[in-house]
Amino acid sequence: ARLIPGFSGADIMNLVNEAALIAVIRNLDEISRDCVLEARDRVAFG
C-alpha cells in the first residue's frame, strides 16, 4: 500500500489481477512479492 500512492480502487484491483497473471506465466503456485511489484510497474508505467 505504501508503494502505490495515488492508486484508485480500480488500479488496485488491476494490480492484483496482473500479479495473478504474472504468477501463472512464471508457473508459480502462488503470487509472490516480486509478482506484485512487477504488476505495480505494469499498472503505473505499462
ModelCIF file with pLDDT and N, C-alpha, C, O atoms, coordinates in Angstrom:
data_MODEL
#
_entry.id   MODEL 
#
_entity.id                         1 
_entity.type                       polymer 
_entity.pdbx_number_of_molecules   1 
#
_entity_poly.entity_id                      1 
_entity_poly.type                           'polypeptide(L)' 
_entity_poly.nstd_linkage                   no 
_entity_poly.nstd_monomer                   no 
_entity_poly.pdbx_seq_one_letter_code       ARLIPGFSGADIMNLVNEAALIAVIRNLDEISRDCVLEARDRVAFG 
_entity_poly.pdbx_seq_one_letter_code_can   ARLIPGFSGADIMNLVNEAALIAVIRNLDEISRDCVLEARDRVAFG 
_entity_poly.pdbx_strand_id                 A 
#
loop_
_entity_poly_seq.entity_id 
_entity_poly_seq.num 
_entity_poly_seq.mon_id 
_entity_poly_seq.hetero 
1 1  ALA n 
1 2  ARG n 
1 3  LEU n 
1 4  ILE n 
1 5  PRO n 
1 6  GLY n 
1 7  PHE n 
1 8  SER n 
1 9  GLY n 
1 10 ALA n 
1 11 ASP n 
1 12 ILE n 
1 13 MET n 
1 14 ASN n 
1 15 LEU n 
1 16 VAL n 
1 17 ASN n 
1 18 GLU n 
1 19 ALA n 
1 20 ALA n 
1 21 LEU n 
1 22 ILE n 
1 23 ALA n 
1 24 VAL n 
1 25 ILE n 
1 26 ARG n 
1 27 ASN n 
1 28 LEU n 
1 29 ASP n 
1 30 GLU n 
1 31 ILE n 
1 32 SER n 
1 33 ARG n 
1 34 ASP n 
1 35 CYS n 
1 36 VAL n 
1 37 LEU n 
1 38 GLU n 
1 39 ALA n 
1 40 ARG n 
1 41 ASP n 
1 42 ARG n 
1 43 VAL n 
1 44 ALA n 
1 45 PHE n 
1 46 GLY n 
#
_struct_asym.id          A 
_struct_asym.entity_id   1 
#
loop_
_ma_qa_metric.id 
_ma_qa_metric.mode 
_ma_qa_metric.name 
_ma_qa_metric.software_group_id 
_ma_qa_metric.type 
1 global pLDDT . pLDDT 
2 local  pLDDT . pLDDT 
#
_ma_qa_metric_global.metric_id      1 
_ma_qa_metric_global.metric_value   91.98 
_ma_qa_metric_global.model_id       1 
_ma_qa_metric_global.ordinal_id     1 
#
loop_
_ma_qa_metric_local.label_asym_id 
_ma_qa_metric_local.label_comp_id 
_ma_qa_metric_local.label_seq_id 
_ma_qa_metric_local.metric_id 
_ma_qa_metric_local.metric_value 
_ma_qa_metric_local.model_id 
_ma_qa_metric_local.ordinal_id 
A ALA 1  2 92.00 1 1  
A ARG 2  2 87.00 1 2  
A LEU 3  2 85.00 1 3  
A ILE 4  2 90.00 1 4  
A PRO 5  2 86.00 1 5  
A GLY 6  2 86.00 1 6  
A PHE 7  2 92.00 1 7  
A SER 8  2 93.00 1 8  
A GLY 9  2 94.00 1 9  
A ALA 10 2 94.00 1 10 
A ASP 11 2 95.00 1 11 
A ILE 12 2 96.00 1 12 
A MET 13 2 96.00 1 13 
A ASN 14 2 96.00 1 14 
A LEU 15 2 96.00 1 15 
A VAL 16 2 96.00 1 16 
A ASN 17 2 96.00 1 17 
A GLU 18 2 95.00 1 18 
A ALA 19 2 95.00 1 19 
A ALA 20 2 95.00 1 20 
A LEU 21 2 95.00 1 21 
A ILE 22 2 95.00 1 22 
A ALA 23 2 95.00 1 23 
A VAL 24 2 95.00 1 24 
A ILE 25 2 94.00 1 25 
A ARG 26 2 94.00 1 26 
A ASN 27 2 95.00 1 27 
A LEU 28 2 94.00 1 28 
A ASP 29 2 93.00 1 29 
A GLU 30 2 94.00 1 30 
A ILE 31 2 95.00 1 31 
A SER 32 2 94.00 1 32 
A ARG 33 2 93.00 1 33 
A ASP 34 2 93.00 1 34 
A CYS 35 2 95.00 1 35 
A VAL 36 2 94.00 1 36 
A LEU 37 2 91.00 1 37 
A GLU 38 2 90.00 1 38 
A ALA 39 2 93.00 1 39 
A ARG 40 2 91.00 1 40 
A ASP 41 2 87.00 1 41 
A ARG 42 2 87.00 1 42 
A VAL 43 2 90.00 1 43 
A ALA 44 2 83.00 1 44 
A PHE 45 2 77.00 1 45 
A GLY 46 2 79.00 1 46 
#
loop_
_atom_site.group_PDB 
_atom_site.id 
_atom_site.type_symbol 
_atom_site.label_atom_id 
_atom_site.label_alt_id 
_atom_site.label_comp_id 
_atom_site.label_asym_id 
_atom_site.label_entity_id 
_atom_site.label_seq_id 
_atom_site.pdbx_PDB_ins_code 
_atom_site.Cartn_x 
_atom_site.Cartn_y 
_atom_site.Cartn_z 
_atom_site.occupancy 
_atom_site.B_iso_or_equiv 
_atom_site.pdbx_formal_charge 
_atom_site.auth_seq_id 
_atom_site.auth_comp_id 
_atom_site.auth_asym_id 
_atom_site.auth_atom_id 
_atom_site.pdbx_PDB_model_num 
ATOM 1   N N  . ALA A 1 1  ? 0.827  -1.209  0.000   1.00 92.00 ? 1  ALA A N  1 
ATOM 2   C CA . ALA A 1 1  ? 0.000  0.000   0.000   1.00 92.00 ? 1  ALA A CA 1 
ATOM 3   C C  . ALA A 1 1  ? 0.858  1.254   0.000   1.00 92.00 ? 1  ALA A C  1 
ATOM 4   O O  . ALA A 1 1  ? 0.486  2.261   -0.603  1.00 92.00 ? 1  ALA A O  1 
ATOM 5   N N  . ARG A 1 2  ? 1.998  1.203   0.668   1.00 87.00 ? 2  ARG A N  1 
ATOM 6   C CA . ARG A 1 2  ? 2.912  2.355   0.692   1.00 87.00 ? 2  ARG A CA 1 
ATOM 7   C C  . ARG A 1 2  ? 3.576  2.575   -0.667  1.00 87.00 ? 2  ARG A C  1 
ATOM 8   O O  . ARG A 1 2  ? 3.996  3.686   -0.989  1.00 87.00 ? 2  ARG A O  1 
ATOM 9   N N  . LEU A 1 3  ? 3.668  1.509   -1.456  1.00 85.00 ? 3  LEU A N  1 
ATOM 10  C CA . LEU A 1 3  ? 4.346  1.593   -2.744  1.00 85.00 ? 3  LEU A CA 1 
ATOM 11  C C  . LEU A 1 3  ? 3.430  2.050   -3.877  1.00 85.00 ? 3  LEU A C  1 
ATOM 12  O O  . LEU A 1 3  ? 3.881  2.216   -5.010  1.00 85.00 ? 3  LEU A O  1 
ATOM 13  N N  . ILE A 1 4  ? 2.148  2.254   -3.579  1.00 90.00 ? 4  ILE A N  1 
ATOM 14  C CA . ILE A 1 4  ? 1.196  2.601   -4.638  1.00 90.00 ? 4  ILE A CA 1 
ATOM 15  C C  . ILE A 1 4  ? 0.399  3.865   -4.307  1.00 90.00 ? 4  ILE A C  1 
ATOM 16  O O  . ILE A 1 4  ? -0.827 3.857   -4.419  1.00 90.00 ? 4  ILE A O  1 
ATOM 17  N N  . PRO A 1 5  ? 1.061  4.943   -3.904  1.00 86.00 ? 5  PRO A N  1 
ATOM 18  C CA . PRO A 1 5  ? 0.314  6.184   -3.654  1.00 86.00 ? 5  PRO A CA 1 
ATOM 19  C C  . PRO A 1 5  ? -0.339 6.677   -4.932  1.00 86.00 ? 5  PRO A C  1 
ATOM 20  O O  . PRO A 1 5  ? 0.248  6.596   -6.011  1.00 86.00 ? 5  PRO A O  1 
ATOM 21  N N  . GLY A 1 6  ? -1.555 7.189   -4.807  1.00 86.00 ? 6  GLY A N  1 
ATOM 22  C CA . GLY A 1 6  ? -2.265 7.695   -5.976  1.00 86.00 ? 6  GLY A CA 1 
ATOM 23  C C  . GLY A 1 6  ? -3.061 6.644   -6.721  1.00 86.00 ? 6  GLY A C  1 
ATOM 24  O O  . GLY A 1 6  ? -3.754 6.967   -7.685  1.00 86.00 ? 6  GLY A O  1 
ATOM 25  N N  . PHE A 1 7  ? -2.976 5.372   -6.286  1.00 92.00 ? 7  PHE A N  1 
ATOM 26  C CA . PHE A 1 7  ? -3.753 4.311   -6.932  1.00 92.00 ? 7  PHE A CA 1 
ATOM 27  C C  . PHE A 1 7  ? -5.208 4.397   -6.483  1.00 92.00 ? 7  PHE A C  1 
ATOM 28  O O  . PHE A 1 7  ? -5.496 4.623   -5.308  1.00 92.00 ? 7  PHE A O  1 
ATOM 29  N N  . SER A 1 8  ? -6.110 4.214   -7.426  1.00 93.00 ? 8  SER A N  1 
ATOM 30  C CA . SER A 1 8  ? -7.536 4.153   -7.107  1.00 93.00 ? 8  SER A CA 1 
ATOM 31  C C  . SER A 1 8  ? -7.908 2.708   -6.767  1.00 93.00 ? 8  SER A C  1 
ATOM 32  O O  . SER A 1 8  ? -7.076 1.807   -6.864  1.00 93.00 ? 8  SER A O  1 
ATOM 33  N N  . GLY A 1 9  ? -9.149 2.500   -6.372  1.00 94.00 ? 9  GLY A N  1 
ATOM 34  C CA . GLY A 1 9  ? -9.606 1.145   -6.090  1.00 94.00 ? 9  GLY A CA 1 
ATOM 35  C C  . GLY A 1 9  ? -9.516 0.262   -7.316  1.00 94.00 ? 9  GLY A C  1 
ATOM 36  O O  . GLY A 1 9  ? -9.150 -0.910  -7.219  1.00 94.00 ? 9  GLY A O  1 
ATOM 37  N N  . ALA A 1 10 ? -9.853 0.826   -8.484  1.00 94.00 ? 10 ALA A N  1 
ATOM 38  C CA . ALA A 1 10 ? -9.768 0.072   -9.741  1.00 94.00 ? 10 ALA A CA 1 
ATOM 39  C C  . ALA A 1 10 ? -8.317 -0.280  -10.068 1.00 94.00 ? 10 ALA A C  1 
ATOM 40  O O  . ALA A 1 10 ? -8.031 -1.377  -10.548 1.00 94.00 ? 10 ALA A O  1 
ATOM 41  N N  . ASP A 1 11 ? -7.405 0.657   -9.804  1.00 95.00 ? 11 ASP A N  1 
ATOM 42  C CA . ASP A 1 11 ? -5.988 0.386   -10.044 1.00 95.00 ? 11 ASP A CA 1 
ATOM 43  C C  . ASP A 1 11 ? -5.500 -0.770  -9.179  1.00 95.00 ? 11 ASP A C  1 
ATOM 44  O O  . ASP A 1 11 ? -4.734 -1.617  -9.638  1.00 95.00 ? 11 ASP A O  1 
ATOM 45  N N  . ILE A 1 12 ? -5.945 -0.799  -7.931  1.00 96.00 ? 12 ILE A N  1 
ATOM 46  C CA . ILE A 1 12 ? -5.522 -1.859  -7.011  1.00 96.00 ? 12 ILE A CA 1 
ATOM 47  C C  . ILE A 1 12 ? -6.081 -3.206  -7.469  1.00 96.00 ? 12 ILE A C  1 
ATOM 48  O O  . ILE A 1 12 ? -5.392 -4.223  -7.389  1.00 96.00 ? 12 ILE A O  1 
ATOM 49  N N  . MET A 1 13 ? -7.313 -3.216  -7.943  1.00 96.00 ? 13 MET A N  1 
ATOM 50  C CA . MET A 1 13 ? -7.895 -4.447  -8.473  1.00 96.00 ? 13 MET A CA 1 
ATOM 51  C C  . MET A 1 13 ? -7.091 -4.933  -9.680  1.00 96.00 ? 13 MET A C  1 
ATOM 52  O O  . MET A 1 13 ? -6.797 -6.122  -9.799  1.00 96.00 ? 13 MET A O  1 
ATOM 53  N N  . ASN A 1 14 ? -6.740 -4.004  -10.573 1.00 96.00 ? 14 ASN A N  1 
ATOM 54  C CA . ASN A 1 14 ? -5.932 -4.364  -11.735 1.00 96.00 ? 14 ASN A CA 1 
ATOM 55  C C  . ASN A 1 14 ? -4.564 -4.887  -11.318 1.00 96.00 ? 14 ASN A C  1 
ATOM 56  O O  . ASN A 1 14 ? -4.037 -5.817  -11.930 1.00 96.00 ? 14 ASN A O  1 
ATOM 57  N N  . LEU A 1 15 ? -3.989 -4.290  -10.277 1.00 96.00 ? 15 LEU A N  1 
ATOM 58  C CA . LEU A 1 15 ? -2.684 -4.732  -9.778  1.00 96.00 ? 15 LEU A CA 1 
ATOM 59  C C  . LEU A 1 15 ? -2.733 -6.191  -9.355  1.00 96.00 ? 15 LEU A C  1 
ATOM 60  O O  . LEU A 1 15 ? -1.858 -6.974  -9.727  1.00 96.00 ? 15 LEU A O  1 
ATOM 61  N N  . VAL A 1 16 ? -3.744 -6.564  -8.582  1.00 96.00 ? 16 VAL A N  1 
ATOM 62  C CA . VAL A 1 16 ? -3.860 -7.944  -8.109  1.00 96.00 ? 16 VAL A CA 1 
ATOM 63  C C  . VAL A 1 16 ? -4.108 -8.893  -9.281  1.00 96.00 ? 16 VAL A C  1 
ATOM 64  O O  . VAL A 1 16 ? -3.547 -9.988  -9.318  1.00 96.00 ? 16 VAL A O  1 
ATOM 65  N N  . ASN A 1 17 ? -4.936 -8.485  -10.229 1.00 96.00 ? 17 ASN A N  1 
ATOM 66  C CA . ASN A 1 17 ? -5.196 -9.331  -11.402 1.00 96.00 ? 17 ASN A CA 1 
ATOM 67  C C  . ASN A 1 17 ? -3.924 -9.528  -12.222 1.00 96.00 ? 17 ASN A C  1 
ATOM 68  O O  . ASN A 1 17 ? -3.638 -10.639 -12.669 1.00 96.00 ? 17 ASN A O  1 
ATOM 69  N N  . GLU A 1 18 ? -3.158 -8.450  -12.420 1.00 95.00 ? 18 GLU A N  1 
ATOM 70  C CA . GLU A 1 18 ? -1.897 -8.547  -13.157 1.00 95.00 ? 18 GLU A CA 1 
ATOM 71  C C  . GLU A 1 18 ? -0.915 -9.450  -12.417 1.00 95.00 ? 18 GLU A C  1 
ATOM 72  O O  . GLU A 1 18 ? -0.219 -10.252 -13.040 1.00 95.00 ? 18 GLU A O  1 
ATOM 73  N N  . ALA A 1 19 ? -0.855 -9.324  -11.091 1.00 95.00 ? 19 ALA A N  1 
ATOM 74  C CA . ALA A 1 19 ? 0.048  -10.160 -10.300 1.00 95.00 ? 19 ALA A CA 1 
ATOM 75  C C  . ALA A 1 19 ? -0.318 -11.634 -10.449 1.00 95.00 ? 19 ALA A C  1 
ATOM 76  O O  . ALA A 1 19 ? 0.566  -12.487 -10.520 1.00 95.00 ? 19 ALA A O  1 
ATOM 77  N N  . ALA A 1 20 ? -1.616 -11.940 -10.496 1.00 95.00 ? 20 ALA A N  1 
ATOM 78  C CA . ALA A 1 20 ? -2.057 -13.324 -10.677 1.00 95.00 ? 20 ALA A CA 1 
ATOM 79  C C  . ALA A 1 20 ? -1.641 -13.851 -12.045 1.00 95.00 ? 20 ALA A C  1 
ATOM 80  O O  . ALA A 1 20 ? -1.201 -14.994 -12.171 1.00 95.00 ? 20 ALA A O  1 
ATOM 81  N N  . LEU A 1 21 ? -1.783 -13.007 -13.078 1.00 95.00 ? 21 LEU A N  1 
ATOM 82  C CA . LEU A 1 21 ? -1.375 -13.414 -14.428 1.00 95.00 ? 21 LEU A CA 1 
ATOM 83  C C  . LEU A 1 21 ? 0.130  -13.668 -14.491 1.00 95.00 ? 21 LEU A C  1 
ATOM 84  O O  . LEU A 1 21 ? 0.578  -14.632 -15.111 1.00 95.00 ? 21 LEU A O  1 
ATOM 85  N N  . ILE A 1 22 ? 0.896  -12.808 -13.855 1.00 95.00 ? 22 ILE A N  1 
ATOM 86  C CA . ILE A 1 22 ? 2.351  -12.965 -13.845 1.00 95.00 ? 22 ILE A CA 1 
ATOM 87  C C  . ILE A 1 22 ? 2.743  -14.261 -13.150 1.00 95.00 ? 22 ILE A C  1 
ATOM 88  O O  . ILE A 1 22 ? 3.645  -14.967 -13.600 1.00 95.00 ? 22 ILE A O  1 
ATOM 89  N N  . ALA A 1 23 ? 2.060  -14.572 -12.051 1.00 95.00 ? 23 ALA A N  1 
ATOM 90  C CA . ALA A 1 23 ? 2.352  -15.812 -11.318 1.00 95.00 ? 23 ALA A CA 1 
ATOM 91  C C  . ALA A 1 23 ? 2.064  -17.031 -12.196 1.00 95.00 ? 23 ALA A C  1 
ATOM 92  O O  . ALA A 1 23 ? 2.820  -18.003 -12.172 1.00 95.00 ? 23 ALA A O  1 
ATOM 93  N N  . VAL A 1 24 ? 0.979  -16.985 -12.969 1.00 95.00 ? 24 VAL A N  1 
ATOM 94  C CA . VAL A 1 24 ? 0.644  -18.098 -13.867 1.00 95.00 ? 24 VAL A CA 1 
ATOM 95  C C  . VAL A 1 24 ? 1.708  -18.243 -14.952 1.00 95.00 ? 24 VAL A C  1 
ATOM 96  O O  . VAL A 1 24 ? 2.161  -19.348 -15.248 1.00 95.00 ? 24 VAL A O  1 
ATOM 97  N N  . ILE A 1 25 ? 2.098  -17.115 -15.538 1.00 94.00 ? 25 ILE A N  1 
ATOM 98  C CA . ILE A 1 25 ? 3.108  -17.151 -16.600 1.00 94.00 ? 25 ILE A CA 1 
ATOM 99  C C  . ILE A 1 25 ? 4.428  -17.715 -16.075 1.00 94.00 ? 25 ILE A C  1 
ATOM 100 O O  . ILE A 1 25 ? 5.142  -18.401 -16.807 1.00 94.00 ? 25 ILE A O  1 
ATOM 101 N N  . ARG A 1 26 ? 4.751  -17.436 -14.833 1.00 94.00 ? 26 ARG A N  1 
ATOM 102 C CA . ARG A 1 26 ? 6.000  -17.906 -14.234 1.00 94.00 ? 26 ARG A CA 1 
ATOM 103 C C  . ARG A 1 26 ? 5.873  -19.298 -13.623 1.00 94.00 ? 26 ARG A C  1 
ATOM 104 O O  . ARG A 1 26 ? 6.812  -19.797 -13.003 1.00 94.00 ? 26 ARG A O  1 
ATOM 105 N N  . ASN A 1 27 ? 4.706  -19.923 -13.799 1.00 95.00 ? 27 ASN A N  1 
ATOM 106 C CA . ASN A 1 27 ? 4.449  -21.269 -13.268 1.00 95.00 ? 27 ASN A CA 1 
ATOM 107 C C  . ASN A 1 27 ? 4.628  -21.346 -11.755 1.00 95.00 ? 27 ASN A C  1 
ATOM 108 O O  . ASN A 1 27 ? 5.188  -22.313 -11.238 1.00 95.00 ? 27 ASN A O  1 
ATOM 109 N N  . LEU A 1 28 ? 4.153  -20.330 -11.056 1.00 94.00 ? 28 LEU A N  1 
ATOM 110 C CA . LEU A 1 28 ? 4.228  -20.304 -9.596  1.00 94.00 ? 28 LEU A CA 1 
ATOM 111 C C  . LEU A 1 28 ? 2.925  -20.828 -9.002  1.00 94.00 ? 28 LEU A C  1 
ATOM 112 O O  . LEU A 1 28 ? 1.859  -20.703 -9.604  1.00 94.00 ? 28 LEU A O  1 
ATOM 113 N N  . ASP A 1 29 ? 3.026  -21.413 -7.821  1.00 93.00 ? 29 ASP A N  1 
ATOM 114 C CA . ASP A 1 29 ? 1.837  -21.925 -7.139  1.00 93.00 ? 29 ASP A CA 1 
ATOM 115 C C  . ASP A 1 29 ? 1.055  -20.823 -6.444  1.00 93.00 ? 29 ASP A C  1 
ATOM 116 O O  . ASP A 1 29 ? -0.126 -20.987 -6.138  1.00 93.00 ? 29 ASP A O  1 
ATOM 117 N N  . GLU A 1 30 ? 1.717  -19.697 -6.194  1.00 94.00 ? 30 GLU A N  1 
ATOM 118 C CA . GLU A 1 30 ? 1.065  -18.593 -5.513  1.00 94.00 ? 30 GLU A CA 1 
ATOM 119 C C  . GLU A 1 30 ? 1.692  -17.269 -5.965  1.00 94.00 ? 30 GLU A C  1 
ATOM 120 O O  . GLU A 1 30 ? 2.759  -17.249 -6.579  1.00 94.00 ? 30 GLU A O  1 
ATOM 121 N N  . ILE A 1 31 ? 1.019  -16.186 -5.653  1.00 95.00 ? 31 ILE A N  1 
ATOM 122 C CA . ILE A 1 31 ? 1.529  -14.873 -6.035  1.00 95.00 ? 31 ILE A CA 1 
ATOM 123 C C  . ILE A 1 31 ? 2.637  -14.472 -5.078  1.00 95.00 ? 31 ILE A C  1 
ATOM 124 O O  . ILE A 1 31 ? 2.440  -14.467 -3.862  1.00 95.00 ? 31 ILE A O  1 
ATOM 125 N N  . SER A 1 32 ? 3.796  -14.139 -5.616  1.00 94.00 ? 32 SER A N  1 
ATOM 126 C CA . SER A 1 32 ? 4.924  -13.731 -4.788  1.00 94.00 ? 32 SER A CA 1 
ATOM 127 C C  . SER A 1 32 ? 5.000  -12.199 -4.716  1.00 94.00 ? 32 SER A C  1 
ATOM 128 O O  . SER A 1 32 ? 4.294  -11.495 -5.439  1.00 94.00 ? 32 SER A O  1 
ATOM 129 N N  . ARG A 1 33 ? 5.851  -11.711 -3.848  1.00 93.00 ? 33 ARG A N  1 
ATOM 130 C CA . ARG A 1 33 ? 6.051  -10.269 -3.718  1.00 93.00 ? 33 ARG A CA 1 
ATOM 131 C C  . ARG A 1 33 ? 6.579  -9.686  -5.027  1.00 93.00 ? 33 ARG A C  1 
ATOM 132 O O  . ARG A 1 33 ? 6.167  -8.598  -5.431  1.00 93.00 ? 33 ARG A O  1 
ATOM 133 N N  . ASP A 1 34 ? 7.486  -10.402 -5.691  1.00 93.00 ? 34 ASP A N  1 
ATOM 134 C CA . ASP A 1 34 ? 8.030  -9.924  -6.962  1.00 93.00 ? 34 ASP A CA 1 
ATOM 135 C C  . ASP A 1 34 ? 6.931  -9.782  -8.014  1.00 93.00 ? 34 ASP A C  1 
ATOM 136 O O  . ASP A 1 34 ? 6.960  -8.859  -8.828  1.00 93.00 ? 34 ASP A O  1 
ATOM 137 N N  . CYS A 1 35 ? 5.961  -10.702 -7.994  1.00 95.00 ? 35 CYS A N  1 
ATOM 138 C CA . CYS A 1 35 ? 4.840  -10.616 -8.931  1.00 95.00 ? 35 CYS A CA 1 
ATOM 139 C C  . CYS A 1 35 ? 4.037  -9.338  -8.696  1.00 95.00 ? 35 CYS A C  1 
ATOM 140 O O  . CYS A 1 35 ? 3.616  -8.672  -9.641  1.00 95.00 ? 35 CYS A O  1 
ATOM 141 N N  . VAL A 1 36 ? 3.833  -9.009  -7.425  1.00 94.00 ? 36 VAL A N  1 
ATOM 142 C CA . VAL A 1 36 ? 3.064  -7.809  -7.094  1.00 94.00 ? 36 VAL A CA 1 
ATOM 143 C C  . VAL A 1 36 ? 3.819  -6.550  -7.516  1.00 94.00 ? 36 VAL A C  1 
ATOM 144 O O  . VAL A 1 36 ? 3.219  -5.609  -8.035  1.00 94.00 ? 36 VAL A O  1 
ATOM 145 N N  . LEU A 1 37 ? 5.145  -6.533  -7.291  1.00 91.00 ? 37 LEU A N  1 
ATOM 146 C CA . LEU A 1 37 ? 5.938  -5.356  -7.662  1.00 91.00 ? 37 LEU A CA 1 
ATOM 147 C C  . LEU A 1 37 ? 5.963  -5.160  -9.181  1.00 91.00 ? 37 LEU A C  1 
ATOM 148 O O  . LEU A 1 37 ? 5.862  -4.033  -9.666  1.00 91.00 ? 37 LEU A O  1 
ATOM 149 N N  . GLU A 1 38 ? 6.097  -6.260  -9.929  1.00 90.00 ? 38 GLU A N  1 
ATOM 150 C CA . GLU A 1 38 ? 6.076  -6.151  -11.381 1.00 90.00 ? 38 GLU A CA 1 
ATOM 151 C C  . GLU A 1 38 ? 4.689  -5.695  -11.851 1.00 90.00 ? 38 GLU A C  1 
ATOM 152 O O  . GLU A 1 38 ? 4.579  -4.907  -12.791 1.00 90.00 ? 38 GLU A O  1 
ATOM 153 N N  . ALA A 1 39 ? 3.632  -6.193  -11.196 1.00 93.00 ? 39 ALA A N  1 
ATOM 154 C CA . ALA A 1 39 ? 2.276  -5.773  -11.545 1.00 93.00 ? 39 ALA A CA 1 
ATOM 155 C C  . ALA A 1 39 ? 2.094  -4.287  -11.259 1.00 93.00 ? 39 ALA A C  1 
ATOM 156 O O  . ALA A 1 39 ? 1.440  -3.575  -12.022 1.00 93.00 ? 39 ALA A O  1 
ATOM 157 N N  . ARG A 1 40 ? 2.682  -3.821  -10.145 1.00 91.00 ? 40 ARG A N  1 
ATOM 158 C CA . ARG A 1 40 ? 2.594  -2.383  -9.830  1.00 91.00 ? 40 ARG A CA 1 
ATOM 159 C C  . ARG A 1 40 ? 3.208  -1.554  -10.950 1.00 91.00 ? 40 ARG A C  1 
ATOM 160 O O  . ARG A 1 40 ? 2.635  -0.545  -11.362 1.00 91.00 ? 40 ARG A O  1 
ATOM 161 N N  . ASP A 1 41 ? 4.371  -1.973  -11.444 1.00 87.00 ? 41 ASP A N  1 
ATOM 162 C CA . ASP A 1 41 ? 5.035  -1.238  -12.516 1.00 87.00 ? 41 ASP A CA 1 
ATOM 163 C C  . ASP A 1 41 ? 4.213  -1.282  -13.806 1.00 87.00 ? 41 ASP A C  1 
ATOM 164 O O  . ASP A 1 41 ? 4.171  -0.306  -14.556 1.00 87.00 ? 41 ASP A O  1 
ATOM 165 N N  . ARG A 1 42 ? 3.564  -2.416  -14.058 1.00 87.00 ? 42 ARG A N  1 
ATOM 166 C CA . ARG A 1 42 ? 2.739  -2.526  -15.259 1.00 87.00 ? 42 ARG A CA 1 
ATOM 167 C C  . ARG A 1 42 ? 1.558  -1.571  -15.209 1.00 87.00 ? 42 ARG A C  1 
ATOM 168 O O  . ARG A 1 42 ? 1.251  -0.900  -16.194 1.00 87.00 ? 42 ARG A O  1 
ATOM 169 N N  . VAL A 1 43 ? 0.896  -1.513  -14.058 1.00 90.00 ? 43 VAL A N  1 
ATOM 170 C CA . VAL A 1 43 ? -0.274 -0.649  -13.928 1.00 90.00 ? 43 VAL A CA 1 
ATOM 171 C C  . VAL A 1 43 ? 0.136  0.821   -13.995 1.00 90.00 ? 43 VAL A C  1 
ATOM 172 O O  . VAL A 1 43 ? -0.556 1.638   -14.603 1.00 90.00 ? 43 VAL A O  1 
ATOM 173 N N  . ALA A 1 44 ? 1.266  1.150   -13.366 1.00 83.00 ? 44 ALA A N  1 
ATOM 174 C CA . ALA A 1 44 ? 1.693  2.547   -13.292 1.00 83.00 ? 44 ALA A CA 1 
ATOM 175 C C  . ALA A 1 44 ? 2.374  3.034   -14.566 1.00 83.00 ? 44 ALA A C  1 
ATOM 176 O O  . ALA A 1 44 ? 2.185  4.179   -14.976 1.00 83.00 ? 44 ALA A O  1 
ATOM 177 N N  . PHE A 1 45 ? 3.179  2.152   -15.200 1.00 77.00 ? 45 PHE A N  1 
ATOM 178 C CA . PHE A 1 45 ? 4.019  2.606   -16.308 1.00 77.00 ? 45 PHE A CA 1 
ATOM 179 C C  . PHE A 1 45 ? 3.800  1.843   -17.612 1.00 77.00 ? 45 PHE A C  1 
ATOM 180 O O  . PHE A 1 45 ? 4.306  2.255   -18.655 1.00 77.00 ? 45 PHE A O  1 
ATOM 181 N N  . GLY A 1 46 ? 3.055  0.739   -17.571 1.00 79.00 ? 46 GLY A N  1 
ATOM 182 C CA . GLY A 1 46 ? 2.843  -0.056  -18.776 1.00 79.00 ? 46 GLY A CA 1 
ATOM 183 C C  . GLY A 1 46 ? 3.705  -1.314  -18.780 1.00 79.00 ? 46 GLY A C  1 
ATOM 184 O O  . GLY A 1 46 ? 3.648  -2.099  -19.727 1.00 79.00 ? 46 GLY A O  1 
#
